[in-house]
Amino acid sequence: MSSIGKRSLRLPASPVEGQAKRRRTAASQPMTADVNSANVGPPSPFPQPTSAGFTPKIPFQHLPQMPAQQQAAVPFHAQDAGRAHPSRSWTSSPALRMGSCSLDEMLLTMPHGLASAELGRRKDDLRYEIDYQERNPPVLPPSRVKDLPPKPFIPEFHKFPEGISDHERLEIESRNNTIAAEHQKIDRQRNNQAAKKSRQARLEALNNTRVLLNEKTAECAWFRMKVLALGGNTADWNNVPAGVKTRLVKEIDGRVKTVEMEVADVKKREEAKKRADRNRRRAEVKKDEESQLSQSSQ
């Protein structure tokens, strides 16, 4: 028989030697099985990294981009998915500002990687919203409290001509006293009317402030729930620096005061025009009285 195909291993010299060899082989197999069993598990849909410096070809979606050596050590939190550092995965817009505060300072940034058309559309919408808010500050509506009625015309005091008798002087004094009493009566009435109007205007402003606050609170609550429905986090407002919040409040307050000053100036001009009209009519009445007096004296 040819030697081809025969075993090249040395055969045991005796049955005892063969049993000892089999025992040594069996003793070494459990160790190998234990090592292999440690890697047994459900198949993973993702390729397993073979070294600590593994870098995936496609970045993980919805995760802040971290250095490669930290990706395996950082747990995933859904709420942190939208809070990446602006310089890493968000687009800043320093030209878009609300008063002295930029959107970056207010932590309002747009995701990085948007198409140019979508990025331009969002910036246009933000500009429109910024302009709209600047034109429409939270100002109370115009007061509906009625103005005071015009002051009635009261004859002027009579002068004492020279060379009059005592009887004529007494008559003129009596007329002037009647006119003075009428002045006092009308002044008291107008003072009471002015106090009532001031009280009504104060209560109206307080009520309108409550209505405006309720409306803005409802609007804010709706937007907060919309943020949550879109997967955002309403606690982001708490992350805005306190100094930025103060500047925003001052900006709103300045806009409100500017509008209120404009409204006050318009009202002053209207009142000045009303006073001029009353003075002109009063002068006409006085002229008519003097004309009638001169005709009666003739």
C-alpha atoms as a PDB file:
ATOM      1  CA  MET A   1       0.000   0.000   0.000  1.00  0.00           C
ATOM      2  CA  SER A   2       1.250   3.482  -0.847  1.00  0.00           C
ATOM      3  CA  SER A   3       2.067   5.887   1.942  1.00  0.00           C
ATOM      4  CA  ILE A   4       0.003   8.616   0.285  1.00  0.00           C
ATOM      5  CA  GLY A   5      -3.125   9.432   2.347  1.00  0.00           C
ATOM      6  CA  LYS A   6      -1.797   7.942   5.502  1.00  0.00           C
ATOM      7  CA  ARG A   7      -1.609  10.004   8.662  1.00  0.00           C
ATOM      8  CA  SER A   8       1.591  11.885   9.195  1.00  0.00           C
ATOM      9  CA  LEU A   9       0.963  12.009  12.973  1.00  0.00           C
ATOM     10  CA  ARG A  10       2.685   9.583  15.259  1.00  0.00           C
ATOM     11  CA  LEU A  11       0.408   6.825  16.478  1.00  0.00           C
ATOM     12  CA  PRO A  12       0.246   6.198  20.211  1.00  0.00           C
ATOM     13  CA  ALA A  13       2.475   3.442  21.317  1.00  0.00           C
ATOM     14  CA  SER A  14      -0.203   1.953  23.610  1.00  0.00           C
ATOM     15  CA  PRO A  15      -3.908   2.347  24.505  1.00  0.00           C
ATOM     16  CA  VAL A  16      -2.969   4.101  27.740  1.00  0.00           C
ATOM     17  CA  GLU A  17      -1.002   6.724  25.881  1.00  0.00           C
ATOM     18  CA  GLY A  18      -3.965   7.292  23.512  1.00  0.00           C
ATOM     19  CA  GLN A  19      -6.425   7.847  26.402  1.00  0.00           C
ATOM     20  CA  ALA A  20      -4.073  10.353  28.020  1.00  0.00           C
ATOM     21  CA  LYS A  21      -3.854  12.287  24.753  1.00  0.00           C
ATOM     22  CA  ARG A  22      -7.648  12.401  24.410  1.00  0.00           C
ATOM     23  CA  ARG A  23      -8.019  13.700  27.988  1.00  0.00           C
ATOM     24  CA  ARG A  24      -5.538  16.522  27.290  1.00  0.00           C
ATOM     25  CA  THR A  25      -7.451  17.488  24.141  1.00  0.00           C
ATOM     26  CA  ALA A  26     -10.824  17.535  25.982  1.00  0.00           C
ATOM     27  CA  ALA A  27      -9.383  19.689  28.757  1.00  0.00           C
ATOM     28  CA  SER A  28      -8.350  22.395  26.279  1.00  0.00           C
ATOM     29  CA  GLN A  29     -11.743  22.559  24.405  1.00  0.00           C
ATOM     30  CA  PRO A  30     -13.975  24.117  27.168  1.00  0.00           C
ATOM     31  CA  MET A  31     -11.728  27.165  27.344  1.00  0.00           C
ATOM     32  CA  THR A  32     -12.090  27.731  23.610  1.00  0.00           C
ATOM     33  CA  ALA A  33     -15.858  27.306  23.854  1.00  0.00           C
ATOM     34  CA  ASP A  34     -16.103  29.848  26.659  1.00  0.00           C
ATOM     35  CA  VAL A  35     -14.203  32.407  24.640  1.00  0.00           C
ATOM     36  CA  ASN A  36     -16.437  31.857  21.615  1.00  0.00           C
ATOM     37  CA  SER A  37     -19.655  31.896  23.671  1.00  0.00           C
ATOM     38  CA  ALA A  38     -18.880  35.370  24.991  1.00  0.00           C
ATOM     39  CA  ASN A  39     -19.332  36.745  21.497  1.00  0.00           C
ATOM     40  CA  VAL A  40     -22.581  34.902  20.830  1.00  0.00           C
ATOM     41  CA  GLY A  41     -25.696  37.137  20.746  1.00  0.00           C
ATOM     42  CA  PRO A  42     -28.478  38.404  18.546  1.00  0.00           C
ATOM     43  CA  PRO A  43     -27.232  39.649  15.213  1.00  0.00           C
ATOM     44  CA  SER A  44     -26.824  43.462  15.079  1.00  0.00           C
ATOM     45  CA  PRO A  45     -28.158  45.381  12.096  1.00  0.00           C
ATOM     46  CA  PHE A  46     -25.158  47.723  12.303  1.00  0.00           C
ATOM     47  CA  PRO A  47     -21.513  46.821  11.666  1.00  0.00           C
ATOM     48  CA  GLN A  48     -19.579  46.546  14.895  1.00  0.00           C
ATOM     49  CA  PRO A  49     -16.546  48.783  15.378  1.00  0.00           C
ATOM     50  CA  THR A  50     -13.271  46.896  15.263  1.00  0.00           C
ATOM     51  CA  SER A  51     -11.200  49.539  17.028  1.00  0.00           C
ATOM     52  CA  ALA A  52     -11.549  52.501  19.364  1.00  0.00           C
ATOM     53  CA  GLY A  53     -10.944  54.883  16.479  1.00  0.00           C
ATOM     54  CA  PHE A  54     -13.942  53.719  14.441  1.00  0.00           C
ATOM     55  CA  THR A  55     -15.565  56.495  12.386  1.00  0.00           C
ATOM     56  CA  PRO A  56     -18.870  55.737  10.623  1.00  0.00           C
ATOM     57  CA  LYS A  57     -19.102  56.685   6.971  1.00  0.00           C
ATOM     58  CA  ILE A  58     -22.633  58.091   7.513  1.00  0.00           C
ATOM     59  CA  PRO A  59     -23.097  60.278  10.647  1.00  0.00           C
ATOM     60  CA  PHE A  60     -25.750  59.179  13.113  1.00  0.00           C
ATOM     61  CA  GLN A  61     -28.999  61.007  12.465  1.00  0.00           C
ATOM     62  CA  HIS A  62     -30.549  63.359  15.085  1.00  0.00           C
ATOM     63  CA  LEU A  63     -27.453  63.210  17.291  1.00  0.00           C
ATOM     64  CA  PRO A  64     -25.115  66.070  18.166  1.00  0.00           C
ATOM     65  CA  GLN A  65     -21.879  65.480  16.293  1.00  0.00           C
ATOM     66  CA  MET A  66     -19.228  64.442  18.813  1.00  0.00           C
ATOM     67  CA  PRO A  67     -15.599  63.451  18.351  1.00  0.00           C
ATOM     68  CA  ALA A  68     -15.229  59.835  17.185  1.00  0.00           C
ATOM     69  CA  GLN A  69     -13.759  58.607  20.436  1.00  0.00           C
ATOM     70  CA  GLN A  70     -16.755  59.901  22.403  1.00  0.00           C
ATOM     71  CA  GLN A  71     -19.646  58.645  20.286  1.00  0.00           C
ATOM     72  CA  ALA A  72     -19.840  55.220  21.917  1.00  0.00           C
ATOM     73  CA  ALA A  73     -19.709  56.709  25.414  1.00  0.00           C
ATOM     74  CA  VAL A  74     -22.460  59.327  24.999  1.00  0.00           C
ATOM     75  CA  PRO A  75     -26.044  58.058  25.546  1.00  0.00           C
ATOM     76  CA  PHE A  76     -28.789  59.178  23.221  1.00  0.00           C
ATOM     77  CA  HIS A  77     -31.384  61.607  24.582  1.00  0.00           C
ATOM     78  CA  ALA A  78     -34.226  62.612  22.302  1.00  0.00           C
ATOM     79  CA  GLN A  79     -34.612  66.017  23.963  1.00  0.00           C
ATOM     80  CA  ASP A  80     -30.951  66.826  23.338  1.00  0.00           C
ATOM     81  CA  ALA A  81     -31.196  66.072  19.640  1.00  0.00           C
ATOM     82  CA  GLY A  82     -32.059  69.667  18.780  1.00  0.00           C
ATOM     83  CA  ARG A  83     -29.562  71.371  21.047  1.00  0.00           C
ATOM     84  CA  ALA A  84     -26.359  71.008  19.102  1.00  0.00           C
ATOM     85  CA  HIS A  85     -23.769  73.745  19.381  1.00  0.00           C
ATOM     86  CA  PRO A  86     -24.480  76.479  16.794  1.00  0.00           C
ATOM     87  CA  SER A  87     -20.966  76.259  15.390  1.00  0.00           C
ATOM     88  CA  ARG A  88     -21.355  72.526  14.722  1.00  0.00           C
ATOM     89  CA  SER A  89     -24.810  71.821  13.352  1.00  0.00           C
ATOM     90  CA  TRP A  90     -26.729  75.096  13.354  1.00  0.00           C
ATOM     91  CA  THR A  91     -26.679  78.099  11.024  1.00  0.00           C
ATOM     92  CA  SER A  92     -26.282  81.506  12.676  1.00  0.00           C
ATOM     93  CA  SER A  93     -28.018  84.652  11.391  1.00  0.00           C
ATOM     94  CA  PRO A  94     -26.288  87.702  12.906  1.00  0.00           C
ATOM     95  CA  ALA A  95     -28.095  90.083  10.528  1.00  0.00           C
ATOM     96  CA  LEU A  96     -31.507  89.146  11.945  1.00  0.00           C
ATOM     97  CA  ARG A  97     -32.054  91.151  15.114  1.00  0.00           C
ATOM     98  CA  MET A  98     -34.840  92.112  17.465  1.00  0.00           C
ATOM     99  CA  GLY A  99     -33.734  95.515  18.631  1.00  0.00           C
ATOM    100  CA  SER A 100     -30.243  95.136  20.078  1.00  0.00           C
ATOM    101  CA  CYS A 101     -30.515  91.334  20.386  1.00  0.00           C
ATOM    102  CA  SER A 102     -29.454  89.050  17.561  1.00  0.00           C
ATOM    103  CA  LEU A 103     -31.110  85.706  17.002  1.00  0.00           C
ATOM    104  CA  ASP A 104     -27.866  84.018  18.013  1.00  0.00           C
ATOM    105  CA  GLU A 105     -27.972  85.785  21.393  1.00  0.00           C
ATOM    106  CA  MET A 106     -31.573  84.641  21.808  1.00  0.00           C
ATOM    107  CA  LEU A 107     -30.469  81.068  20.975  1.00  0.00           C
ATOM    108  CA  LEU A 108     -32.675  81.081  17.870  1.00  0.00           C
ATOM    109  CA  THR A 109     -30.756  79.365  15.078  1.00  0.00           C
ATOM    110  CA  MET A 110     -31.658  77.352  12.010  1.00  0.00           C
ATOM    111  CA  PRO A 111     -30.457  73.806  11.328  1.00  0.00           C
ATOM    112  CA  HIS A 112     -27.314  73.414   9.275  1.00  0.00           C
ATOM    113  CA  GLY A 113     -27.555  71.753   5.893  1.00  0.00           C
ATOM    114  CA  LEU A 114     -30.816  73.328   4.707  1.00  0.00           C
ATOM    115  CA  ALA A 115     -31.231  73.896   1.001  1.00  0.00           C
ATOM    116  CA  SER A 116     -30.501  77.466  -0.054  1.00  0.00           C
ATOM    117  CA  ALA A 117     -34.119  78.043  -1.091  1.00  0.00           C
ATOM    118  CA  GLU A 118     -35.468  76.786   2.242  1.00  0.00           C
ATOM    119  CA  LEU A 119     -32.879  78.788   4.188  1.00  0.00           C
ATOM    120  CA  GLY A 120     -33.819  81.947   2.289  1.00  0.00           C
ATOM    121  CA  ARG A 121     -37.527  81.329   2.863  1.00  0.00           C
ATOM    122  CA  ARG A 122     -37.033  80.951   6.600  1.00  0.00           C
ATOM    123  CA  LYS A 123     -34.936  84.110   6.806  1.00  0.00           C
ATOM    124  CA  ASP A 124     -37.595  86.050   4.878  1.00  0.00           C
ATOM    125  CA  ASP A 125     -40.283  84.775   7.263  1.00  0.00           C
ATOM    126  CA  LEU A 126     -38.165  85.815  10.247  1.00  0.00           C
ATOM    127  CA  ARG A 127     -37.629  89.305   8.797  1.00  0.00           C
ATOM    128  CA  TYR A 128     -41.362  89.686   8.216  1.00  0.00           C
ATOM    129  CA  GLU A 129     -42.136  88.540  11.774  1.00  0.00           C
ATOM    130  CA  ILE A 130     -39.536  90.903  13.261  1.00  0.00           C
ATOM    131  CA  ASP A 131     -40.998  93.834  11.292  1.00  0.00           C
ATOM    132  CA  TYR A 132     -44.543  92.835  12.250  1.00  0.00           C
ATOM    133  CA  GLN A 133     -43.703  92.734  15.952  1.00  0.00           C
ATOM    134  CA  GLU A 134     -41.967  96.100  15.703  1.00  0.00           C
ATOM    135  CA  ARG A 135     -45.049  97.652  14.085  1.00  0.00           C
ATOM    136  CA  ASN A 136     -47.488  96.001  16.506  1.00  0.00           C
ATOM    137  CA  PRO A 137     -46.279  96.315  20.101  1.00  0.00           C
ATOM    138  CA  PRO A 138     -48.676  95.306  22.906  1.00  0.00           C
ATOM    139  CA  VAL A 139     -50.387  98.695  23.231  1.00  0.00           C
ATOM    140  CA  LEU A 140     -53.739  99.165  24.938  1.00  0.00           C
ATOM    141  CA  PRO A 141     -56.618 100.069  22.617  1.00  0.00           C
ATOM    142  CA  PRO A 142     -57.809 103.692  22.466  1.00  0.00           C
ATOM    143  CA  SER A 143     -59.923 104.786  25.381  1.00  0.00           C
ATOM    144  CA  ARG A 144     -63.681 104.795  24.908  1.00  0.00           C
ATOM    145  CA  VAL A 145     -64.324 107.128  27.818  1.00  0.00           C
ATOM    146  CA  LYS A 146     -66.142 110.193  26.528  1.00  0.00           C
ATOM    147  CA  ASP A 147     -64.379 113.534  26.630  1.00  0.00           C
ATOM    148  CA  LEU A 148     -65.730 116.366  28.721  1.00  0.00           C
ATOM    149  CA  PRO A 149     -68.433 118.406  27.025  1.00  0.00           C
ATOM    150  CA  PRO A 150     -67.283 121.802  25.797  1.00  0.00           C
ATOM    151  CA  LYS A 151     -67.387 124.526  28.365  1.00  0.00           C
ATOM    152  CA  PRO A 152     -70.496 126.662  27.883  1.00  0.00           C
ATOM    153  CA  PHE A 153     -70.101 130.292  26.937  1.00  0.00           C
ATOM    154  CA  ILE A 154     -70.339 132.629  29.886  1.00  0.00           C
ATOM    155  CA  PRO A 155     -70.549 136.385  29.474  1.00  0.00           C
ATOM    156  CA  GLU A 156     -67.409 138.245  30.438  1.00  0.00           C
ATOM    157  CA  PHE A 157     -67.308 140.588  33.385  1.00  0.00           C
ATOM    158  CA  HIS A 158     -68.588 144.086  32.759  1.00  0.00           C
ATOM    159  CA  LYS A 159     -66.200 146.984  33.021  1.00  0.00           C
ATOM    160  CA  PHE A 160     -66.883 150.086  35.068  1.00  0.00           C
ATOM    161  CA  PRO A 161     -66.965 153.071  32.776  1.00  0.00           C
ATOM    162  CA  GLU A 162     -65.803 156.435  34.010  1.00  0.00           C
ATOM    163  CA  GLY A 163     -68.238 158.888  35.496  1.00  0.00           C
ATOM    164  CA  ILE A 164     -70.943 156.401  36.414  1.00  0.00           C
ATOM    165  CA  SER A 165     -73.244 156.925  39.319  1.00  0.00           C
ATOM    166  CA  ASP A 166     -73.317 154.817  42.456  1.00  0.00           C
ATOM    167  CA  HIS A 167     -76.547 153.185  41.375  1.00  0.00           C
ATOM    168  CA  GLU A 168     -75.020 152.154  38.019  1.00  0.00           C
ATOM    169  CA  ARG A 169     -71.925 150.880  39.778  1.00  0.00           C
ATOM    170  CA  LEU A 170     -74.071 148.692  42.048  1.00  0.00           C
ATOM    171  CA  GLU A 171     -75.922 147.293  39.043  1.00  0.00           C
ATOM    172  CA  ILE A 172     -72.636 146.391  37.298  1.00  0.00           C
ATOM    173  CA  GLU A 173     -71.318 144.776  40.473  1.00  0.00           C
ATOM    174  CA  SER A 174     -74.503 142.708  40.788  1.00  0.00           C
ATOM    175  CA  ARG A 175     -74.164 141.502  37.186  1.00  0.00           C
ATOM    176  CA  ASN A 176     -70.513 140.635  37.734  1.00  0.00           C
ATOM    177  CA  ASN A 177     -71.372 138.712  40.906  1.00  0.00           C
ATOM    178  CA  THR A 178     -73.936 136.691  38.974  1.00  0.00           C
ATOM    179  CA  ILE A 179     -71.376 135.966  36.268  1.00  0.00           C
ATOM    180  CA  ALA A 180     -68.780 134.965  38.902  1.00  0.00           C
ATOM    181  CA  ALA A 181     -71.258 132.595  40.571  1.00  0.00           C
ATOM    182  CA  GLU A 182     -71.994 131.023  37.178  1.00  0.00           C
ATOM    183  CA  HIS A 183     -68.250 130.578  36.569  1.00  0.00           C
ATOM    184  CA  GLN A 184     -67.820 128.855  39.932  1.00  0.00           C
ATOM    185  CA  LYS A 185     -70.791 126.578  39.350  1.00  0.00           C
ATOM    186  CA  ILE A 186     -69.550 125.489  35.936  1.00  0.00           C
ATOM    187  CA  ASP A 187     -65.986 125.001  37.239  1.00  0.00           C
ATOM    188  CA  ARG A 188     -67.229 122.745  40.042  1.00  0.00           C
ATOM    189  CA  GLN A 189     -69.291 120.707  37.600  1.00  0.00           C
ATOM    190  CA  ARG A 190     -66.347 120.314  35.221  1.00  0.00           C
ATOM    191  CA  ASN A 191     -64.009 119.350  38.062  1.00  0.00           C
ATOM    192  CA  ASN A 192     -66.415 116.599  39.113  1.00  0.00           C
ATOM    193  CA  GLN A 193     -66.761 115.464  35.501  1.00  0.00           C
ATOM    194  CA  ALA A 194     -62.966 115.427  35.073  1.00  0.00           C
ATOM    195  CA  ALA A 195     -62.498 113.355  38.241  1.00  0.00           C
ATOM    196  CA  LYS A 196     -65.158 110.897  37.068  1.00  0.00           C
ATOM    197  CA  LYS A 197     -63.531 110.650  33.640  1.00  0.00           C
ATOM    198  CA  SER A 198     -60.101 110.036  35.182  1.00  0.00           C
ATOM    199  CA  ARG A 199     -61.541 107.290  37.377  1.00  0.00           C
ATOM    200  CA  GLN A 200     -63.281 105.645  34.406  1.00  0.00           C
ATOM    201  CA  ALA A 201     -60.132 105.857  32.265  1.00  0.00           C
ATOM    202  CA  ARG A 202     -58.040 104.263  35.014  1.00  0.00           C
ATOM    203  CA  LEU A 203     -60.490 101.376  35.436  1.00  0.00           C
ATOM    204  CA  GLU A 204     -60.735 100.959  31.667  1.00  0.00           C
ATOM    205  CA  ALA A 205     -56.930 100.790  31.340  1.00  0.00           C
ATOM    206  CA  LEU A 206     -56.760  98.200  34.112  1.00  0.00           C
ATOM    207  CA  ASN A 207     -59.441  96.079  32.448  1.00  0.00           C
ATOM    208  CA  ASN A 208     -57.817  96.396  29.011  1.00  0.00           C
ATOM    209  CA  THR A 209     -54.472  95.380  30.517  1.00  0.00           C
ATOM    210  CA  ARG A 210     -56.060  92.241  31.950  1.00  0.00           C
ATOM    211  CA  VAL A 211     -57.707  91.450  28.585  1.00  0.00           C
ATOM    212  CA  LEU A 212     -54.421  91.972  26.721  1.00  0.00           C
ATOM    213  CA  LEU A 213     -52.529  89.835  29.239  1.00  0.00           C
ATOM    214  CA  ASN A 214     -55.078  87.028  28.887  1.00  0.00           C
ATOM    215  CA  GLU A 215     -54.876  87.169  25.093  1.00  0.00           C
ATOM    216  CA  LYS A 216     -51.059  87.120  25.057  1.00  0.00           C
ATOM    217  CA  THR A 217     -51.000  84.309  27.636  1.00  0.00           C
ATOM    218  CA  ALA A 218     -53.355  82.227  25.481  1.00  0.00           C
ATOM    219  CA  GLU A 219     -51.177  82.905  22.430  1.00  0.00           C
ATOM    220  CA  CYS A 220     -48.029  81.971  24.358  1.00  0.00           C
ATOM    221  CA  ALA A 221     -49.649  78.773  25.670  1.00  0.00           C
ATOM    222  CA  TRP A 222     -50.654  77.791  22.133  1.00  0.00           C
ATOM    223  CA  PHE A 223     -47.122  78.315  20.816  1.00  0.00           C
ATOM    224  CA  ARG A 224     -45.614  76.391  23.738  1.00  0.00           C
ATOM    225  CA  MET A 225     -47.835  73.404  22.970  1.00  0.00           C
ATOM    226  CA  LYS A 226     -46.988  73.708  19.270  1.00  0.00           C
ATOM    227  CA  VAL A 227     -43.280  73.581  20.164  1.00  0.00           C
ATOM    228  CA  LEU A 228     -43.893  70.387  22.119  1.00  0.00           C
ATOM    229  CA  ALA A 229     -45.989  68.903  19.309  1.00  0.00           C
ATOM    230  CA  LEU A 230     -43.101  69.515  16.898  1.00  0.00           C
ATOM    231  CA  GLY A 231     -40.645  67.782  19.224  1.00  0.00           C
ATOM    232  CA  GLY A 232     -39.125  70.928  20.732  1.00  0.00           C
ATOM    233  CA  ASN A 233     -38.453  71.827  24.334  1.00  0.00           C
ATOM    234  CA  THR A 234     -40.195  74.722  26.091  1.00  0.00           C
ATOM    235  CA  ALA A 235     -37.368  74.870  28.619  1.00  0.00           C
ATOM    236  CA  ASP A 236     -35.177  76.477  25.935  1.00  0.00           C
ATOM    237  CA  TRP A 237     -36.467  79.875  27.088  1.00  0.00           C
ATOM    238  CA  ASN A 238     -34.853  79.218  30.469  1.00  0.00           C
ATOM    239  CA  ASN A 239     -31.500  78.828  28.718  1.00  0.00           C
ATOM    240  CA  VAL A 240     -31.622  82.343  27.261  1.00  0.00           C
ATOM    241  CA  PRO A 241     -29.232  84.568  29.277  1.00  0.00           C
ATOM    242  CA  ALA A 242     -30.907  86.881  31.787  1.00  0.00           C
ATOM    243  CA  GLY A 243     -29.227  89.919  30.231  1.00  0.00           C
ATOM    244  CA  VAL A 244     -30.730  89.105  26.847  1.00  0.00           C
ATOM    245  CA  LYS A 245     -34.192  88.730  28.398  1.00  0.00           C
ATOM    246  CA  THR A 246     -33.819  92.130  30.089  1.00  0.00           C
ATOM    247  CA  ARG A 247     -32.847  93.751  26.795  1.00  0.00           C
ATOM    248  CA  LEU A 248     -35.836  92.157  25.070  1.00  0.00           C
ATOM    249  CA  VAL A 249     -38.222  93.477  27.724  1.00  0.00           C
ATOM    250  CA  LYS A 250     -36.693  96.963  27.450  1.00  0.00           C
ATOM    251  CA  GLU A 251     -37.037  96.812  23.678  1.00  0.00           C
ATOM    252  CA  ILE A 252     -40.754  95.996  23.963  1.00  0.00           C
ATOM    253  CA  ASP A 253     -41.232  98.705  26.601  1.00  0.00           C
ATOM    254  CA  GLY A 254     -39.537 101.262  24.355  1.00  0.00           C
ATOM    255  CA  ARG A 255     -41.791 100.375  21.441  1.00  0.00           C
ATOM    256  CA  VAL A 256     -44.899 100.704  23.614  1.00  0.00           C
ATOM    257  CA  LYS A 257     -43.799 104.106  24.943  1.00  0.00           C
ATOM    258  CA  THR A 258     -43.054 105.337  21.419  1.00  0.00           C
ATOM    259  CA  VAL A 259     -46.567 104.463  20.244  1.00  0.00           C
ATOM    260  CA  GLU A 260     -48.134 105.939  23.387  1.00  0.00           C
ATOM    261  CA  MET A 261     -46.223 109.200  22.856  1.00  0.00           C
ATOM    262  CA  GLU A 262     -47.418 109.358  19.245  1.00  0.00           C
ATOM    263  CA  VAL A 263     -51.013 108.797  20.357  1.00  0.00           C
ATOM    264  CA  ALA A 264     -50.645 111.466  23.062  1.00  0.00           C
ATOM    265  CA  ASP A 265     -49.262 113.964  20.522  1.00  0.00           C
ATOM    266  CA  VAL A 266     -52.192 113.333  18.185  1.00  0.00           C
ATOM    267  CA  LYS A 267     -54.629 113.848  21.056  1.00  0.00           C
ATOM    268  CA  LYS A 268     -52.909 117.091  22.079  1.00  0.00           C
ATOM    269  CA  ARG A 269     -53.195 118.434  18.540  1.00  0.00           C
ATOM    270  CA  GLU A 270     -56.882 117.517  18.445  1.00  0.00           C
ATOM    271  CA  GLU A 271     -57.512 119.238  21.776  1.00  0.00           C
ATOM    272  CA  ALA A 272     -55.591 122.324  20.639  1.00  0.00           C
ATOM    273  CA  LYS A 273     -57.757 122.474  17.524  1.00  0.00           C
ATOM    274  CA  LYS A 274     -60.912 122.170  19.637  1.00  0.00           C
ATOM    275  CA  ARG A 275     -59.751 124.988  21.911  1.00  0.00           C
ATOM    276  CA  ALA A 276     -59.005 127.181  18.918  1.00  0.00           C
ATOM    277  CA  ASP A 277     -62.492 126.531  17.536  1.00  0.00           C
ATOM    278  CA  ARG A 278     -64.087 127.345  20.889  1.00  0.00           C
ATOM    279  CA  ASN A 279     -62.077 130.559  21.207  1.00  0.00           C
ATOM    280  CA  ARG A 280     -63.072 131.601  17.702  1.00  0.00           C
ATOM    281  CA  ARG A 281     -66.748 130.982  18.423  1.00  0.00           C
ATOM    282  CA  ARG A 282     -66.421 132.805  21.730  1.00  0.00           C
ATOM    283  CA  ALA A 283     -64.889 135.778  19.979  1.00  0.00           C
ATOM    284  CA  GLU A 284     -67.752 135.793  17.489  1.00  0.00           C
ATOM    285  CA  VAL A 285     -70.305 135.690  20.310  1.00  0.00           C
ATOM    286  CA  LYS A 286     -68.534 138.530  22.098  1.00  0.00           C
ATOM    287  CA  LYS A 287     -68.481 140.577  18.928  1.00  0.00           C
ATOM    288  CA  ASP A 288     -72.201 140.027  18.436  1.00  0.00           C
ATOM    289  CA  GLU A 289     -72.918 141.050  22.039  1.00  0.00           C
ATOM    290  CA  GLU A 290     -70.888 144.227  21.672  1.00  0.00           C
ATOM    291  CA  SER A 291     -72.687 145.007  18.439  1.00  0.00           C
ATOM    292  CA  GLN A 292     -76.074 144.508  20.058  1.00  0.00           C
ATOM    293  CA  LEU A 293     -75.023 146.625  23.046  1.00  0.00           C
ATOM    294  CA  SER A 294     -73.901 149.482  20.829  1.00  0.00           C
ATOM    295  CA  GLN A 295     -77.138 149.342  18.869  1.00  0.00           C
ATOM    296  CA  SER A 296     -79.245 149.381  22.036  1.00  0.00           C
ATOM    297  CA  SER A 297     -77.333 152.350  23.418  1.00  0.00           C
ATOM    298  CA  GLN A 298     -78.086 154.327  20.296  1.00  0.00           C
END
